[in-house]
Each structure stands twice: as C-alpha cells, then as structure tokens.
Amino acid sequence: MDYAYAAERFSKSWVKVYDSFLLFLAMLHGVNGARYSLEDYMKSPRQRFCSKVILYTLAASILLMGVMTLWAFSYEEMGDAVRALPTTH
C-alpha cells in the first residue's frame, strides 16, 4: 500500500462516506467505554457530570476534525505533489 493507492481510494465519495461512518462508530465505541469507566470510578455526581462534559466535548472535537480531514483535501492533487518531490534514494 502506497500513497497512490490511498489517494485513489480517498478520491471516491463513497469511500469517504464509509470511512466517516467507521470513524463515527469507533468514536461511539470508545466514548461509551470511557463513559462506563467514569461512572464506575467517579463517586460524586458533580465529578461525573463535569468529566462527561469534557469527554463528550473532546470526542465531538476529534470526530469533527477527523471528518473534516477526510472531506477537506483533494487527495489527487496531494498525490501529484508527493510524486513530484525529489527522491533522496
């Protein structure tokens, strides 16, 4: 697997939709596990609430950045730029 393969793959919209869906499910799985851990170890309702607000804010931020990264770049142009770089071998 090289950059050309990845750039070709990410240039297709259905792949971006599929990968966005996978990213969402992975974040949901991770946040759900972290939420259970927080509920087990935080005894005070105030601590649980504050830690969940922080957890959900971080998760939403990371998910948003991940989806933006998938959709914001033209991987074909980036692949052309990478291939145009001089090699040091």
Protein backbone atom coordinates (compact mmCIF):
# COMPACT_ATOMS: atom_id res chain seq x y z
CA MET A 1 0.00 0.00 0.00
CA ASP A 2 1.44 3.35 -1.01
CA TYR A 3 0.23 6.91 -1.24
CA ALA A 4 -1.05 6.48 -4.78
CA TYR A 5 -3.36 3.67 -3.65
CA ALA A 6 -4.62 5.70 -0.67
CA ALA A 7 -5.10 8.83 -2.79
CA GLU A 8 -7.06 6.89 -5.40
CA ARG A 9 -9.20 5.31 -2.69
CA PHE A 10 -9.94 8.59 -0.91
CA SER A 11 -10.82 10.35 -4.16
CA LYS A 12 -14.09 8.37 -4.24
CA SER A 13 -17.02 9.87 -2.35
CA TRP A 14 -18.48 6.54 -1.22
CA VAL A 15 -15.17 5.69 0.48
CA LYS A 16 -15.27 8.97 2.37
CA VAL A 17 -18.84 8.27 3.48
CA TYR A 18 -17.89 4.74 4.54
CA ASP A 19 -14.79 5.93 6.42
CA SER A 20 -16.76 8.73 8.10
CA PHE A 21 -19.27 6.11 9.27
CA LEU A 22 -16.46 3.90 10.59
CA LEU A 23 -14.89 6.86 12.39
CA PHE A 24 -18.24 7.68 14.00
CA LEU A 25 -18.76 4.09 15.17
CA ALA A 26 -15.21 3.84 16.53
CA MET A 27 -15.65 7.09 18.46
CA LEU A 28 -19.02 5.92 19.77
CA HIS A 29 -17.47 2.67 20.97
CA GLY A 30 -14.54 4.42 22.67
CA VAL A 31 -16.66 7.11 24.30
CA ASN A 32 -19.14 4.54 25.57
CA GLY A 33 -16.32 2.57 27.22
CA ALA A 34 -14.82 5.71 28.74
CA ARG A 35 -18.26 6.75 30.00
CA TYR A 36 -18.70 3.43 31.79
CA SER A 37 -15.27 3.82 33.38
CA LEU A 38 -16.09 7.34 34.53
CA GLU A 39 -19.37 6.18 36.07
CA ASP A 40 -17.57 3.37 37.91
CA TYR A 41 -14.78 5.48 39.38
CA MET A 42 -16.33 8.91 39.91
CA LYS A 43 -18.47 8.84 43.05
CA SER A 44 -19.68 12.44 43.11
CA PRO A 45 -22.49 13.33 40.67
CA ARG A 46 -20.78 16.69 40.07
CA GLN A 47 -17.49 15.00 39.13
CA ARG A 48 -19.31 12.58 36.83
CA PHE A 49 -21.17 15.40 35.12
CA CYS A 50 -18.06 17.54 34.61
CA SER A 51 -15.97 14.63 33.36
CA LYS A 52 -18.72 13.57 30.93
CA VAL A 53 -18.99 17.12 29.57
CA ILE A 54 -15.22 17.10 28.98
CA LEU A 55 -15.36 13.62 27.44
CA TYR A 56 -18.21 14.46 25.07
CA THR A 57 -16.60 17.77 24.07
CA LEU A 58 -13.28 16.09 23.28
CA ALA A 59 -14.99 13.27 21.40
CA ALA A 60 -17.07 15.69 19.32
CA SER A 61 -13.98 17.78 18.55
CA ILE A 62 -11.93 14.76 17.48
CA LEU A 63 -14.78 13.39 15.38
CA LEU A 64 -15.29 16.75 13.69
CA MET A 65 -11.56 17.08 12.93
CA GLY A 66 -11.45 13.54 11.56
CA VAL A 67 -14.43 14.04 9.25
CA MET A 68 -13.07 17.40 8.12
CA THR A 69 -9.73 15.77 7.32
CA LEU A 70 -11.45 13.12 5.23
CA TRP A 71 -13.56 15.58 3.26
CA ALA A 72 -11.43 18.74 3.06
CA PHE A 73 -8.46 17.59 0.99
CA SER A 74 -8.17 16.74 -2.66
CA TYR A 75 -6.13 13.57 -2.41
CA GLU A 76 -5.47 13.52 -6.16
CA GLU A 77 -3.70 16.89 -6.04
CA MET A 78 -1.79 15.90 -2.91
CA GLY A 79 -0.69 12.66 -4.57
CA ASP A 80 0.62 14.58 -7.58
CA ALA A 81 2.54 16.91 -5.26
CA VAL A 82 4.05 14.00 -3.32
CA ARG A 83 5.11 12.22 -6.51
CA ALA A 84 6.73 15.44 -7.79
CA LEU A 85 9.03 15.68 -4.76
CA PRO A 86 12.64 14.74 -5.48
CA THR A 87 13.65 11.39 -4.04
CA THR A 88 16.73 11.00 -1.85
CA HIS A 89 17.42 7.37 -2.76
